[in-house]
Amino acid sequence: MIRDIKAIFERDPAARSVLEVVLTYSGLHALWFYRLSRFFYRHKMLLAARIVSQKGRFFTGIEIHPAARIGQNFFIDHGMGVVIGETAEIGDNVTLYQGVTLGGTGKEKGKRHPTIGNNVVIGAGAKILGNIRIGNNVKIGANAVVLRSVPDDSTVVGVPGEIVRIKGENPLELVQTADLPDPIMEKIEELQKEIDEFRKKCQRWREECEK
């Protein structure tokens, strides 16, 4: 519990006192409801787990399935409308803003929700769907819809989500342009070959005529 409160002070400049955080932060309350529901879930008390989970949703507006796995220093800022699915896995030092969904893409069985790495920030309204992996140190922009796995140290924005930064660089700039084919040069080389062939034919015709 102390670690949860400390995580809030580290990441929310609006937090002023421990009492304020404990009494008014719905993200913290949702996490505590989750921890209780997770306890029941691990002890095979599935109905009790779901009841506690739904109570947490009612009081906080945040829905976390008791089967989801959440690491340390987890922080939900504002929180209203956050949904974390049954097979979702969340690493350490992750921050979610309001309206984030870690959901599935259909009625498939088994692992069907995202796996989130460490030190990830997911902006308001973002949707991360399916059995995909979001790497460590990733930032996902507000309202992005992410349907594919994302490598470490990346920034994703847009619908559908596109990687716009990898380790601080534009991914398009990471491609070595010298290694890319030059269609104009290729065409010139083809024309030069045709000209050389034509010259050889002309030379043969000339020699035959002189005989």
N, C-alpha and C. Protein backbone atom coordinates (compact mmCIF):
# COMPACT_ATOMS: atom_id res chain seq x y z
N MET A 1 0.83 -1.21 0.00
CA MET A 1 0.00 0.00 0.00
C MET A 1 0.86 1.26 0.00
N ILE A 2 1.91 1.25 0.79
CA ILE A 2 2.81 2.41 0.84
C ILE A 2 3.47 2.63 -0.51
N ARG A 3 3.86 1.51 -1.17
CA ARG A 3 4.48 1.62 -2.48
C ARG A 3 3.51 2.20 -3.51
N ASP A 4 2.23 1.83 -3.41
CA ASP A 4 1.22 2.37 -4.32
C ASP A 4 1.09 3.88 -4.16
N ILE A 5 1.10 4.33 -2.92
CA ILE A 5 0.99 5.77 -2.65
C ILE A 5 2.24 6.50 -3.13
N LYS A 6 3.39 5.90 -2.90
CA LYS A 6 4.64 6.51 -3.34
C LYS A 6 4.68 6.67 -4.86
N ALA A 7 4.16 5.67 -5.59
CA ALA A 7 4.12 5.74 -7.05
C ALA A 7 3.30 6.94 -7.53
N ILE A 8 2.23 7.23 -6.81
CA ILE A 8 1.40 8.38 -7.18
C ILE A 8 2.16 9.68 -6.99
N PHE A 9 2.84 9.84 -5.88
CA PHE A 9 3.61 11.06 -5.63
C PHE A 9 4.74 11.24 -6.64
N GLU A 10 5.30 10.13 -7.10
CA GLU A 10 6.39 10.21 -8.08
C GLU A 10 5.91 10.67 -9.44
N ARG A 11 4.63 10.39 -9.77
CA ARG A 11 4.17 10.64 -11.14
C ARG A 11 3.05 11.65 -11.28
N ASP A 12 2.47 12.09 -10.18
CA ASP A 12 1.37 13.05 -10.27
C ASP A 12 1.72 14.31 -9.48
N PRO A 13 2.05 15.40 -10.17
CA PRO A 13 2.40 16.64 -9.47
C PRO A 13 1.23 17.25 -8.70
N ALA A 14 0.00 16.80 -8.99
CA ALA A 14 -1.16 17.34 -8.30
C ALA A 14 -1.34 16.75 -6.91
N ALA A 15 -0.64 15.64 -6.62
CA ALA A 15 -0.78 15.01 -5.31
C ALA A 15 -0.13 15.87 -4.23
N ARG A 16 -0.89 16.23 -3.19
CA ARG A 16 -0.40 17.16 -2.17
C ARG A 16 -0.16 16.52 -0.82
N SER A 17 -0.96 15.51 -0.47
CA SER A 17 -0.79 14.88 0.84
C SER A 17 -1.22 13.43 0.77
N VAL A 18 -0.71 12.64 1.70
CA VAL A 18 -1.07 11.23 1.75
C VAL A 18 -2.56 11.08 2.00
N LEU A 19 -3.11 11.88 2.88
CA LEU A 19 -4.54 11.79 3.18
C LEU A 19 -5.38 12.06 1.95
N GLU A 20 -5.00 13.08 1.19
CA GLU A 20 -5.73 13.40 -0.04
C GLU A 20 -5.69 12.23 -1.01
N VAL A 21 -4.51 11.63 -1.19
CA VAL A 21 -4.35 10.51 -2.12
C VAL A 21 -5.20 9.32 -1.67
N VAL A 22 -5.13 8.98 -0.39
CA VAL A 22 -5.85 7.81 0.12
C VAL A 22 -7.36 7.99 0.01
N LEU A 23 -7.84 9.19 0.23
CA LEU A 23 -9.29 9.42 0.26
C LEU A 23 -9.90 9.70 -1.11
N THR A 24 -9.12 10.24 -2.05
CA THR A 24 -9.74 10.77 -3.26
C THR A 24 -9.25 10.17 -4.58
N TYR A 25 -8.21 9.37 -4.58
CA TYR A 25 -7.66 8.87 -5.85
C TYR A 25 -8.33 7.55 -6.25
N SER A 26 -9.20 7.63 -7.26
CA SER A 26 -9.95 6.43 -7.67
C SER A 26 -9.04 5.35 -8.25
N GLY A 27 -7.94 5.76 -8.88
CA GLY A 27 -7.01 4.76 -9.41
C GLY A 27 -6.40 3.92 -8.31
N LEU A 28 -6.11 4.55 -7.18
CA LEU A 28 -5.58 3.83 -6.03
C LEU A 28 -6.63 2.90 -5.44
N HIS A 29 -7.86 3.40 -5.32
CA HIS A 29 -8.95 2.56 -4.80
C HIS A 29 -9.18 1.35 -5.70
N ALA A 30 -9.14 1.57 -7.03
CA ALA A 30 -9.34 0.47 -7.97
C ALA A 30 -8.24 -0.58 -7.81
N LEU A 31 -7.03 -0.13 -7.59
CA LEU A 31 -5.92 -1.07 -7.40
C LEU A 31 -6.11 -1.89 -6.14
N TRP A 32 -6.59 -1.27 -5.09
CA TRP A 32 -6.83 -2.01 -3.85
C TRP A 32 -7.99 -3.00 -3.99
N PHE A 33 -9.04 -2.60 -4.70
CA PHE A 33 -10.11 -3.55 -4.99
C PHE A 33 -9.56 -4.73 -5.79
N TYR A 34 -8.70 -4.43 -6.76
CA TYR A 34 -8.10 -5.48 -7.58
C TYR A 34 -7.30 -6.45 -6.71
N ARG A 35 -6.51 -5.90 -5.79
CA ARG A 35 -5.67 -6.75 -4.96
C ARG A 35 -6.54 -7.71 -4.13
N LEU A 36 -7.64 -7.21 -3.61
CA LEU A 36 -8.54 -8.08 -2.83
C LEU A 36 -9.18 -9.13 -3.73
N SER A 37 -9.67 -8.71 -4.89
CA SER A 37 -10.29 -9.66 -5.81
C SER A 37 -9.27 -10.69 -6.30
N ARG A 38 -8.04 -10.26 -6.49
CA ARG A 38 -6.98 -11.17 -6.92
C ARG A 38 -6.70 -12.22 -5.84
N PHE A 39 -6.76 -11.80 -4.58
CA PHE A 39 -6.58 -12.74 -3.47
C PHE A 39 -7.64 -13.84 -3.54
N PHE A 40 -8.89 -13.46 -3.70
CA PHE A 40 -9.97 -14.45 -3.80
C PHE A 40 -9.78 -15.34 -5.02
N TYR A 41 -9.37 -14.72 -6.13
CA TYR A 41 -9.20 -15.48 -7.37
C TYR A 41 -8.11 -16.55 -7.21
N ARG A 42 -7.00 -16.19 -6.59
CA ARG A 42 -5.90 -17.14 -6.41
C ARG A 42 -6.27 -18.28 -5.49
N HIS A 43 -7.25 -18.04 -4.61
CA HIS A 43 -7.70 -19.08 -3.70
C HIS A 43 -8.97 -19.77 -4.21
N LYS A 44 -9.20 -19.66 -5.52
CA LYS A 44 -10.29 -20.36 -6.19
C LYS A 44 -11.68 -19.93 -5.72
N MET A 45 -11.77 -18.77 -5.13
CA MET A 45 -13.07 -18.23 -4.72
C MET A 45 -13.52 -17.26 -5.83
N LEU A 46 -13.90 -17.86 -6.96
CA LEU A 46 -14.09 -17.08 -8.18
C LEU A 46 -15.28 -16.13 -8.10
N LEU A 47 -16.36 -16.57 -7.51
CA LEU A 47 -17.53 -15.70 -7.40
C LEU A 47 -17.22 -14.49 -6.53
N ALA A 48 -16.57 -14.73 -5.39
CA ALA A 48 -16.20 -13.62 -4.51
C ALA A 48 -15.26 -12.66 -5.24
N ALA A 49 -14.34 -13.22 -6.01
CA ALA A 49 -13.41 -12.38 -6.77
C ALA A 49 -14.15 -11.47 -7.73
N ARG A 50 -15.11 -12.02 -8.47
CA ARG A 50 -15.84 -11.21 -9.44
C ARG A 50 -16.74 -10.18 -8.75
N ILE A 51 -17.31 -10.53 -7.62
CA ILE A 51 -18.16 -9.59 -6.88
C ILE A 51 -17.33 -8.39 -6.42
N VAL A 52 -16.15 -8.65 -5.85
CA VAL A 52 -15.28 -7.56 -5.41
C VAL A 52 -14.85 -6.72 -6.60
N SER A 53 -14.54 -7.38 -7.70
CA SER A 53 -14.12 -6.67 -8.91
C SER A 53 -15.22 -5.73 -9.40
N GLN A 54 -16.45 -6.23 -9.41
CA GLN A 54 -17.57 -5.39 -9.87
C GLN A 54 -17.87 -4.27 -8.89
N LYS A 55 -17.68 -4.50 -7.60
CA LYS A 55 -17.82 -3.42 -6.62
C LYS A 55 -16.79 -2.33 -6.89
N GLY A 56 -15.58 -2.75 -7.19
CA GLY A 56 -14.54 -1.77 -7.53
C GLY A 56 -14.91 -0.97 -8.76
N ARG A 57 -15.48 -1.64 -9.75
CA ARG A 57 -15.92 -0.93 -10.96
C ARG A 57 -17.01 0.07 -10.63
N PHE A 58 -17.94 -0.33 -9.78
CA PHE A 58 -19.06 0.56 -9.42
C PHE A 58 -18.57 1.82 -8.72
N PHE A 59 -17.63 1.67 -7.80
CA PHE A 59 -17.18 2.81 -7.01
C PHE A 59 -16.13 3.67 -7.72
N THR A 60 -15.38 3.10 -8.64
CA THR A 60 -14.27 3.85 -9.25
C THR A 60 -14.42 4.12 -10.74
N GLY A 61 -15.28 3.38 -11.41
CA GLY A 61 -15.37 3.52 -12.86
C GLY A 61 -14.24 2.81 -13.59
N ILE A 62 -13.48 1.99 -12.87
CA ILE A 62 -12.33 1.28 -13.43
C ILE A 62 -12.58 -0.22 -13.28
N GLU A 63 -12.44 -0.96 -14.38
CA GLU A 63 -12.71 -2.39 -14.35
C GLU A 63 -11.41 -3.16 -14.56
N ILE A 64 -11.01 -3.93 -13.56
CA ILE A 64 -9.81 -4.76 -13.65
C ILE A 64 -10.22 -6.19 -13.33
N HIS A 65 -10.05 -7.08 -14.28
CA HIS A 65 -10.41 -8.48 -14.05
C HIS A 65 -9.47 -9.07 -13.00
N PRO A 66 -9.99 -9.86 -12.07
CA PRO A 66 -9.14 -10.40 -11.00
C PRO A 66 -8.05 -11.35 -11.51
N ALA A 67 -8.20 -11.87 -12.73
CA ALA A 67 -7.19 -12.78 -13.27
C ALA A 67 -6.03 -12.03 -13.92
N ALA A 68 -6.19 -10.74 -14.16
CA ALA A 68 -5.11 -9.97 -14.76
C ALA A 68 -3.91 -9.93 -13.82
N ARG A 69 -2.72 -9.78 -14.41
CA ARG A 69 -1.49 -9.73 -13.62
C ARG A 69 -0.88 -8.34 -13.72
N ILE A 70 -0.63 -7.73 -12.57
CA ILE A 70 -0.14 -6.35 -12.53
C ILE A 70 1.11 -6.29 -11.67
N GLY A 71 2.15 -5.62 -12.19
CA GLY A 71 3.41 -5.51 -11.48
C GLY A 71 3.42 -4.41 -10.44
N GLN A 72 4.61 -4.01 -10.03
CA GLN A 72 4.77 -3.04 -8.96
C GLN A 72 4.71 -1.61 -9.51
N ASN A 73 4.40 -0.68 -8.61
CA ASN A 73 4.38 0.76 -8.92
C ASN A 73 3.44 1.09 -10.07
N PHE A 74 2.30 0.43 -10.08
CA PHE A 74 1.28 0.67 -11.10
C PHE A 74 0.48 1.92 -10.73
N PHE A 75 0.19 2.76 -11.72
CA PHE A 75 -0.51 4.02 -11.44
C PHE A 75 -1.56 4.27 -12.51
N ILE A 76 -2.80 4.44 -12.09
CA ILE A 76 -3.89 4.84 -12.98
C ILE A 76 -4.25 6.28 -12.65
N ASP A 77 -3.99 7.19 -13.57
CA ASP A 77 -4.26 8.60 -13.32
C ASP A 77 -5.67 8.96 -13.82
N HIS A 78 -6.46 9.59 -12.99
CA HIS A 78 -7.87 9.91 -13.26
C HIS A 78 -8.68 8.62 -13.33
N GLY A 79 -8.49 7.81 -14.36
CA GLY A 79 -8.95 6.44 -14.32
C GLY A 79 -10.31 6.12 -14.91
N MET A 80 -11.25 7.01 -14.94
CA MET A 80 -12.60 6.68 -15.38
C MET A 80 -12.56 6.00 -16.75
N GLY A 81 -13.23 4.86 -16.83
CA GLY A 81 -13.35 4.15 -18.11
C GLY A 81 -12.22 3.20 -18.43
N VAL A 82 -11.26 3.03 -17.54
CA VAL A 82 -10.18 2.08 -17.78
C VAL A 82 -10.72 0.65 -17.68
N VAL A 83 -10.31 -0.20 -18.65
CA VAL A 83 -10.70 -1.61 -18.64
C VAL A 83 -9.45 -2.45 -18.86
N ILE A 84 -9.23 -3.42 -17.97
CA ILE A 84 -8.09 -4.32 -18.07
C ILE A 84 -8.64 -5.75 -18.10
N GLY A 85 -8.42 -6.45 -19.21
CA GLY A 85 -9.02 -7.75 -19.43
C GLY A 85 -8.40 -8.89 -18.66
N GLU A 86 -9.04 -10.04 -18.76
CA GLU A 86 -8.71 -11.21 -17.95
C GLU A 86 -7.28 -11.68 -18.11
N THR A 87 -6.77 -11.77 -19.33
CA THR A 87 -5.43 -12.32 -19.55
C THR A 87 -4.39 -11.24 -19.78
N ALA A 88 -4.72 -10.01 -19.44
CA ALA A 88 -3.74 -8.92 -19.56
C ALA A 88 -2.62 -9.10 -18.54
N GLU A 89 -1.42 -8.71 -18.94
CA GLU A 89 -0.26 -8.74 -18.05
C GLU A 89 0.43 -7.39 -18.11
N ILE A 90 0.71 -6.81 -16.95
CA ILE A 90 1.28 -5.46 -16.87
C ILE A 90 2.55 -5.52 -16.05
N GLY A 91 3.62 -4.94 -16.57
CA GLY A 91 4.91 -4.95 -15.88
C GLY A 91 4.99 -3.90 -14.78
N ASP A 92 6.22 -3.55 -14.43
CA ASP A 92 6.46 -2.59 -13.35
C ASP A 92 6.50 -1.16 -13.88
N ASN A 93 6.13 -0.22 -13.01
CA ASN A 93 6.23 1.22 -13.31
C ASN A 93 5.42 1.62 -14.54
N VAL A 94 4.21 1.09 -14.64
CA VAL A 94 3.33 1.40 -15.77
C VAL A 94 2.31 2.45 -15.35
N THR A 95 2.04 3.39 -16.26
CA THR A 95 1.05 4.44 -16.02
C THR A 95 -0.03 4.39 -17.07
N LEU A 96 -1.30 4.35 -16.64
CA LEU A 96 -2.45 4.42 -17.54
C LEU A 96 -3.23 5.68 -17.23
N TYR A 97 -3.73 6.32 -18.29
CA TYR A 97 -4.62 7.46 -18.11
C TYR A 97 -6.06 7.03 -18.41
N GLN A 98 -6.99 7.95 -18.22
CA GLN A 98 -8.41 7.60 -18.30
C GLN A 98 -8.78 7.06 -19.68
N GLY A 99 -9.74 6.12 -19.65
CA GLY A 99 -10.28 5.59 -20.90
C GLY A 99 -9.42 4.56 -21.59
N VAL A 100 -8.35 4.11 -20.98
CA VAL A 100 -7.49 3.10 -21.61
C VAL A 100 -8.16 1.73 -21.55
N THR A 101 -8.05 0.99 -22.65
CA THR A 101 -8.57 -0.38 -22.70
C THR A 101 -7.46 -1.34 -23.06
N LEU A 102 -7.26 -2.33 -22.23
CA LEU A 102 -6.39 -3.46 -22.55
C LEU A 102 -7.32 -4.64 -22.80
N GLY A 103 -7.76 -4.78 -24.04
CA GLY A 103 -8.85 -5.70 -24.34
C GLY A 103 -8.49 -6.75 -25.37
N GLY A 104 -9.50 -7.58 -25.69
CA GLY A 104 -9.37 -8.61 -26.72
C GLY A 104 -9.96 -8.13 -28.03
N THR A 105 -9.85 -8.98 -29.03
CA THR A 105 -10.36 -8.62 -30.36
C THR A 105 -11.54 -9.48 -30.79
N GLY A 106 -11.98 -10.39 -29.95
CA GLY A 106 -13.09 -11.26 -30.32
C GLY A 106 -13.42 -12.21 -29.21
N LYS A 107 -13.88 -13.40 -29.60
CA LYS A 107 -14.30 -14.41 -28.62
C LYS A 107 -13.29 -15.55 -28.51
N GLU A 108 -12.04 -15.30 -28.92
CA GLU A 108 -11.04 -16.36 -28.85
C GLU A 108 -10.76 -16.76 -27.41
N LYS A 109 -10.27 -17.97 -27.22
CA LYS A 109 -9.96 -18.49 -25.89
C LYS A 109 -8.48 -18.30 -25.60
N GLY A 110 -8.09 -18.59 -24.35
CA GLY A 110 -6.69 -18.52 -23.99
C GLY A 110 -6.20 -17.09 -23.85
N LYS A 111 -4.91 -16.90 -24.09
CA LYS A 111 -4.30 -15.57 -23.98
C LYS A 111 -4.84 -14.68 -25.09
N ARG A 112 -5.58 -13.68 -24.74
CA ARG A 112 -6.24 -12.85 -25.74
C ARG A 112 -6.14 -11.35 -25.44
N HIS A 113 -5.41 -11.01 -24.40
CA HIS A 113 -5.23 -9.61 -24.02
C HIS A 113 -3.75 -9.25 -24.06
N PRO A 114 -3.43 -7.97 -24.07
CA PRO A 114 -2.04 -7.54 -24.25
C PRO A 114 -1.15 -7.85 -23.05
N THR A 115 0.15 -7.91 -23.35
CA THR A 115 1.19 -7.95 -22.33
C THR A 115 1.96 -6.64 -22.41
N ILE A 116 2.00 -5.91 -21.30
CA ILE A 116 2.63 -4.59 -21.24
C ILE A 116 3.96 -4.72 -20.50
N GLY A 117 5.03 -4.19 -21.08
CA GLY A 117 6.34 -4.26 -20.46
C GLY A 117 6.50 -3.28 -19.31
N ASN A 118 7.73 -3.04 -18.92
CA ASN A 118 8.05 -2.13 -17.82
C ASN A 118 8.19 -0.69 -18.31
N ASN A 119 7.89 0.26 -17.42
CA ASN A 119 8.10 1.69 -17.69
C ASN A 119 7.33 2.17 -18.92
N VAL A 120 6.09 1.75 -19.01
CA VAL A 120 5.23 2.10 -20.14
C VAL A 120 4.23 3.17 -19.72
N VAL A 121 3.99 4.14 -20.61
CA VAL A 121 2.97 5.17 -20.38
C VAL A 121 1.95 5.07 -21.50
N ILE A 122 0.68 4.93 -21.14
CA ILE A 122 -0.40 4.78 -22.12
C ILE A 122 -1.36 5.94 -21.96
N GLY A 123 -1.49 6.75 -23.01
CA GLY A 123 -2.26 7.98 -22.96
C GLY A 123 -3.76 7.76 -22.91
N ALA A 124 -4.48 8.82 -22.59
CA ALA A 124 -5.93 8.77 -22.41
C ALA A 124 -6.63 8.25 -23.66
N GLY A 125 -7.55 7.32 -23.45
CA GLY A 125 -8.38 6.82 -24.53
C GLY A 125 -7.73 5.81 -25.43
N ALA A 126 -6.49 5.44 -25.18
CA ALA A 126 -5.80 4.47 -26.04
C ALA A 126 -6.42 3.08 -25.89
N LYS A 127 -6.45 2.33 -26.99
CA LYS A 127 -6.97 0.97 -26.99
C LYS A 127 -5.86 0.03 -27.47
N ILE A 128 -5.52 -0.92 -26.63
CA ILE A 128 -4.51 -1.91 -26.98
C ILE A 128 -5.22 -3.26 -26.98
N LEU A 129 -5.32 -3.88 -28.14
CA LEU A 129 -6.24 -5.00 -28.30
C LEU A 129 -5.51 -6.24 -28.82
N GLY A 130 -5.85 -7.38 -28.24
CA GLY A 130 -5.34 -8.65 -28.71
C GLY A 130 -4.13 -9.14 -27.95
N ASN A 131 -3.71 -10.34 -28.31
CA ASN A 131 -2.56 -10.97 -27.67
C ASN A 131 -1.27 -10.42 -28.30
N ILE A 132 -0.94 -9.19 -27.95
CA ILE A 132 0.24 -8.53 -28.47
C ILE A 132 1.12 -8.10 -27.30
N ARG A 133 2.38 -7.76 -27.61
CA ARG A 133 3.30 -7.33 -26.56
C ARG A 133 3.72 -5.89 -26.79
N ILE A 134 3.61 -5.09 -25.76
CA ILE A 134 4.11 -3.72 -25.76
C ILE A 134 5.43 -3.74 -24.98
N GLY A 135 6.52 -3.37 -25.64
CA GLY A 135 7.84 -3.50 -25.04
C GLY A 135 8.09 -2.55 -23.88
N ASN A 136 9.29 -2.61 -23.34
CA ASN A 136 9.68 -1.75 -22.24
C ASN A 136 9.92 -0.32 -22.72
N ASN A 137 9.66 0.63 -21.84
CA ASN A 137 9.93 2.06 -22.11
C ASN A 137 9.17 2.59 -23.33
N VAL A 138 7.96 2.10 -23.52
CA VAL A 138 7.13 2.52 -24.65
C VAL A 138 6.17 3.61 -24.20
N LYS A 139 5.91 4.57 -25.11
CA LYS A 139 4.89 5.59 -24.89
C LYS A 139 3.83 5.45 -25.98
N ILE A 140 2.57 5.39 -25.55
CA ILE A 140 1.46 5.27 -26.49
C ILE A 140 0.59 6.50 -26.36
N GLY A 141 0.39 7.19 -27.48
CA GLY A 141 -0.32 8.45 -27.47
C GLY A 141 -1.80 8.32 -27.20
N ALA A 142 -2.42 9.44 -26.83
CA ALA A 142 -3.85 9.46 -26.53
C ALA A 142 -4.66 9.02 -27.75
N ASN A 143 -5.66 8.17 -27.48
CA ASN A 143 -6.62 7.68 -28.48
C ASN A 143 -6.01 6.79 -29.56
N ALA A 144 -4.78 6.36 -29.38
CA ALA A 144 -4.19 5.42 -30.33
C ALA A 144 -4.90 4.08 -30.23
N VAL A 145 -4.97 3.37 -31.35
CA VAL A 145 -5.51 2.01 -31.37
C VAL A 145 -4.38 1.09 -31.83
N VAL A 146 -3.89 0.27 -30.90
CA VAL A 146 -2.71 -0.55 -31.17
C VAL A 146 -3.14 -2.00 -31.33
N LEU A 147 -2.84 -2.57 -32.49
CA LEU A 147 -3.25 -3.93 -32.81
C LEU A 147 -2.06 -4.85 -33.08
N ARG A 148 -0.86 -4.28 -33.09
CA ARG A 148 0.36 -5.06 -33.33
C ARG A 148 1.37 -4.83 -32.22
N SER A 149 2.24 -5.79 -32.03
CA SER A 149 3.26 -5.67 -30.99
C SER A 149 4.18 -4.48 -31.27
N VAL A 150 4.72 -3.92 -30.20
CA VAL A 150 5.55 -2.71 -30.28
C VAL A 150 6.90 -3.02 -29.63
N PRO A 151 8.02 -2.72 -30.30
CA PRO A 151 9.33 -3.00 -29.71
C PRO A 151 9.67 -2.04 -28.58
N ASP A 152 10.71 -2.37 -27.84
CA ASP A 152 11.17 -1.52 -26.73
C ASP A 152 11.52 -0.11 -27.22
N ASP A 153 11.40 0.85 -26.29
CA ASP A 153 11.87 2.22 -26.51
C ASP A 153 11.21 2.90 -27.71
N SER A 154 9.91 2.64 -27.88
CA SER A 154 9.19 3.20 -29.03
C SER A 154 8.10 4.17 -28.58
N THR A 155 7.66 5.01 -29.52
CA THR A 155 6.50 5.87 -29.33
C THR A 155 5.50 5.56 -30.42
N VAL A 156 4.22 5.35 -30.01
CA VAL A 156 3.17 4.96 -30.95
C VAL A 156 2.05 5.98 -30.89
N VAL A 157 1.56 6.39 -32.05
CA VAL A 157 0.40 7.30 -32.12
C VAL A 157 -0.49 6.87 -33.27
N GLY A 158 -1.75 7.37 -33.25
CA GLY A 158 -2.63 7.24 -34.40
C GLY A 158 -3.57 6.05 -34.37
N VAL A 159 -4.44 6.03 -35.40
CA VAL A 159 -5.42 4.96 -35.59
C VAL A 159 -5.31 4.48 -37.04
N PRO A 160 -4.86 3.26 -37.30
CA PRO A 160 -4.27 2.35 -36.31
C PRO A 160 -2.92 2.87 -35.84
N GLY A 161 -2.47 2.38 -34.69
CA GLY A 161 -1.23 2.87 -34.10
C GLY A 161 -0.02 2.62 -35.00
N GLU A 162 0.79 3.66 -35.16
CA GLU A 162 2.02 3.56 -35.94
C GLU A 162 3.19 4.01 -35.09
N ILE A 163 4.31 3.35 -35.25
CA ILE A 163 5.52 3.72 -34.52
C ILE A 163 6.13 4.96 -35.16
N VAL A 164 6.27 6.02 -34.37
CA VAL A 164 6.85 7.25 -34.89
C VAL A 164 8.24 7.53 -34.31
N ARG A 165 8.59 6.81 -33.27
CA ARG A 165 9.92 6.96 -32.68
C ARG A 165 10.42 5.61 -32.19
N ILE A 166 11.69 5.32 -32.44
CA ILE A 166 12.37 4.17 -31.87
C ILE A 166 13.69 4.66 -31.32
N LYS A 167 13.84 4.58 -30.00
CA LYS A 167 15.03 5.09 -29.33
C LYS A 167 15.32 6.54 -29.72
N GLY A 168 14.24 7.33 -29.80
CA GLY A 168 14.39 8.75 -30.07
C GLY A 168 14.55 9.11 -31.53
N GLU A 169 14.53 8.13 -32.42
CA GLU A 169 14.73 8.40 -33.83
C GLU A 169 13.47 8.06 -34.63
N ASN A 170 13.27 8.80 -35.72
CA ASN A 170 12.20 8.46 -36.66
C ASN A 170 12.56 7.15 -37.34
N PRO A 171 11.66 6.14 -37.30
CA PRO A 171 12.02 4.85 -37.89
C PRO A 171 12.37 4.93 -39.36
N LEU A 172 11.80 5.89 -40.09
CA LEU A 172 12.13 6.05 -41.51
C LEU A 172 13.57 6.51 -41.68
N GLU A 173 14.06 7.28 -40.69
CA GLU A 173 15.42 7.78 -40.78
C GLU A 173 16.44 6.71 -40.42
N LEU A 174 15.97 5.64 -39.76
CA LEU A 174 16.87 4.57 -39.39
C LEU A 174 17.25 3.69 -40.57
N VAL A 175 16.46 3.75 -41.63
CA VAL A 175 16.75 2.97 -42.83
C VAL A 175 17.90 3.63 -43.59
N GLN A 176 18.89 2.89 -43.96
CA GLN A 176 20.02 3.43 -44.70
C GLN A 176 19.60 3.66 -46.15
N THR A 177 19.47 4.93 -46.52
CA THR A 177 19.00 5.25 -47.87
C THR A 177 19.97 4.78 -48.94
N ALA A 178 21.24 4.64 -48.58
CA ALA A 178 22.21 4.18 -49.57
C ALA A 178 21.95 2.74 -49.98
N ASP A 179 21.26 1.99 -49.12
CA ASP A 179 20.97 0.60 -49.41
C ASP A 179 19.67 0.42 -50.18
N LEU A 180 18.93 1.51 -50.36
CA LEU A 180 17.67 1.42 -51.06
C LEU A 180 17.90 1.43 -52.57
N PRO A 181 17.10 0.71 -53.35
CA PRO A 181 17.26 0.73 -54.81
C PRO A 181 16.88 2.10 -55.37
N ASP A 182 17.63 2.54 -56.39
CA ASP A 182 17.35 3.80 -57.08
C ASP A 182 16.72 3.46 -58.41
N PRO A 183 15.39 3.62 -58.56
CA PRO A 183 14.72 3.19 -59.80
C PRO A 183 15.22 3.95 -61.03
N ILE A 184 15.61 5.21 -60.86
CA ILE A 184 16.08 5.98 -62.03
C ILE A 184 17.42 5.43 -62.52
N MET A 185 18.34 5.19 -61.57
CA MET A 185 19.64 4.64 -61.96
C MET A 185 19.50 3.26 -62.57
N GLU A 186 18.58 2.46 -62.02
CA GLU A 186 18.36 1.13 -62.59
C GLU A 186 17.88 1.23 -64.03
N LYS A 187 17.01 2.20 -64.30
CA LYS A 187 16.50 2.37 -65.66
C LYS A 187 17.60 2.83 -66.61
N ILE A 188 18.45 3.73 -66.13
CA ILE A 188 19.56 4.22 -66.96
C ILE A 188 20.51 3.07 -67.29
N GLU A 189 20.79 2.23 -66.28
CA GLU A 189 21.67 1.10 -66.52
C GLU A 189 21.07 0.12 -67.53
N GLU A 190 19.75 -0.10 -67.46
CA GLU A 190 19.10 -0.97 -68.43
C GLU A 190 19.21 -0.39 -69.85
N LEU A 191 18.99 0.93 -69.97
CA LEU A 191 19.10 1.57 -71.28
C LEU A 191 20.53 1.49 -71.83
N GLN A 192 21.51 1.68 -70.93
CA GLN A 192 22.91 1.59 -71.36
C GLN A 192 23.23 0.19 -71.89
N LYS A 193 22.71 -0.84 -71.22
CA LYS A 193 22.93 -2.20 -71.69
C LYS A 193 22.31 -2.41 -73.07
N GLU A 194 21.10 -1.87 -73.28
CA GLU A 194 20.44 -2.01 -74.57
C GLU A 194 21.24 -1.29 -75.67
N ILE A 195 21.78 -0.11 -75.33
CA ILE A 195 22.58 0.63 -76.30
C ILE A 195 23.85 -0.15 -76.66
N ASP A 196 24.50 -0.73 -75.67
CA ASP A 196 25.71 -1.50 -75.92
C ASP A 196 25.42 -2.70 -76.81
N GLU A 197 24.29 -3.37 -76.54
CA GLU A 197 23.91 -4.51 -77.37
C GLU A 197 23.64 -4.08 -78.81
N PHE A 198 22.95 -2.96 -78.94
CA PHE A 198 22.64 -2.45 -80.28
C PHE A 198 23.92 -2.11 -81.05
N ARG A 199 24.90 -1.50 -80.36
CA ARG A 199 26.18 -1.16 -81.00
C ARG A 199 26.91 -2.42 -81.47
N LYS A 200 26.86 -3.47 -80.65
CA LYS A 200 27.51 -4.72 -81.04
C LYS A 200 26.86 -5.31 -82.28
N LYS A 201 25.53 -5.25 -82.34
CA LYS A 201 24.82 -5.76 -83.51
C LYS A 201 25.18 -4.95 -84.76
N CYS A 202 25.23 -3.63 -84.59
CA CYS A 202 25.60 -2.78 -85.72
C CYS A 202 27.01 -3.09 -86.22
N GLN A 203 27.92 -3.35 -85.30
CA GLN A 203 29.28 -3.68 -85.67
C GLN A 203 29.33 -4.99 -86.44
N ARG A 204 28.53 -5.96 -86.03
CA ARG A 204 28.52 -7.24 -86.74
C ARG A 204 27.92 -7.08 -88.13
N TRP A 205 26.88 -6.27 -88.25
CA TRP A 205 26.26 -6.03 -89.56
C TRP A 205 27.25 -5.35 -90.51
N ARG A 206 28.02 -4.42 -89.99
CA ARG A 206 29.00 -3.69 -90.80
C ARG A 206 30.08 -4.66 -91.31
N GLU A 207 30.52 -5.50 -90.39
CA GLU A 207 31.57 -6.45 -90.79
C GLU A 207 31.05 -7.42 -91.83
N GLU A 208 29.78 -7.84 -91.71
CA GLU A 208 29.22 -8.77 -92.70
C GLU A 208 29.05 -8.09 -94.04
N CYS A 209 28.67 -6.82 -94.02
CA CYS A 209 28.50 -6.08 -95.27
C CYS A 209 29.83 -5.87 -95.99
N GLU A 210 30.89 -5.66 -95.25
CA GLU A 210 32.20 -5.44 -95.84
C GLU A 210 32.76 -6.70 -96.48
N LYS A 211 32.26 -7.86 -96.06
CA LYS A 211 32.71 -9.10 -96.69
C LYS A 211 32.04 -9.23 -98.03
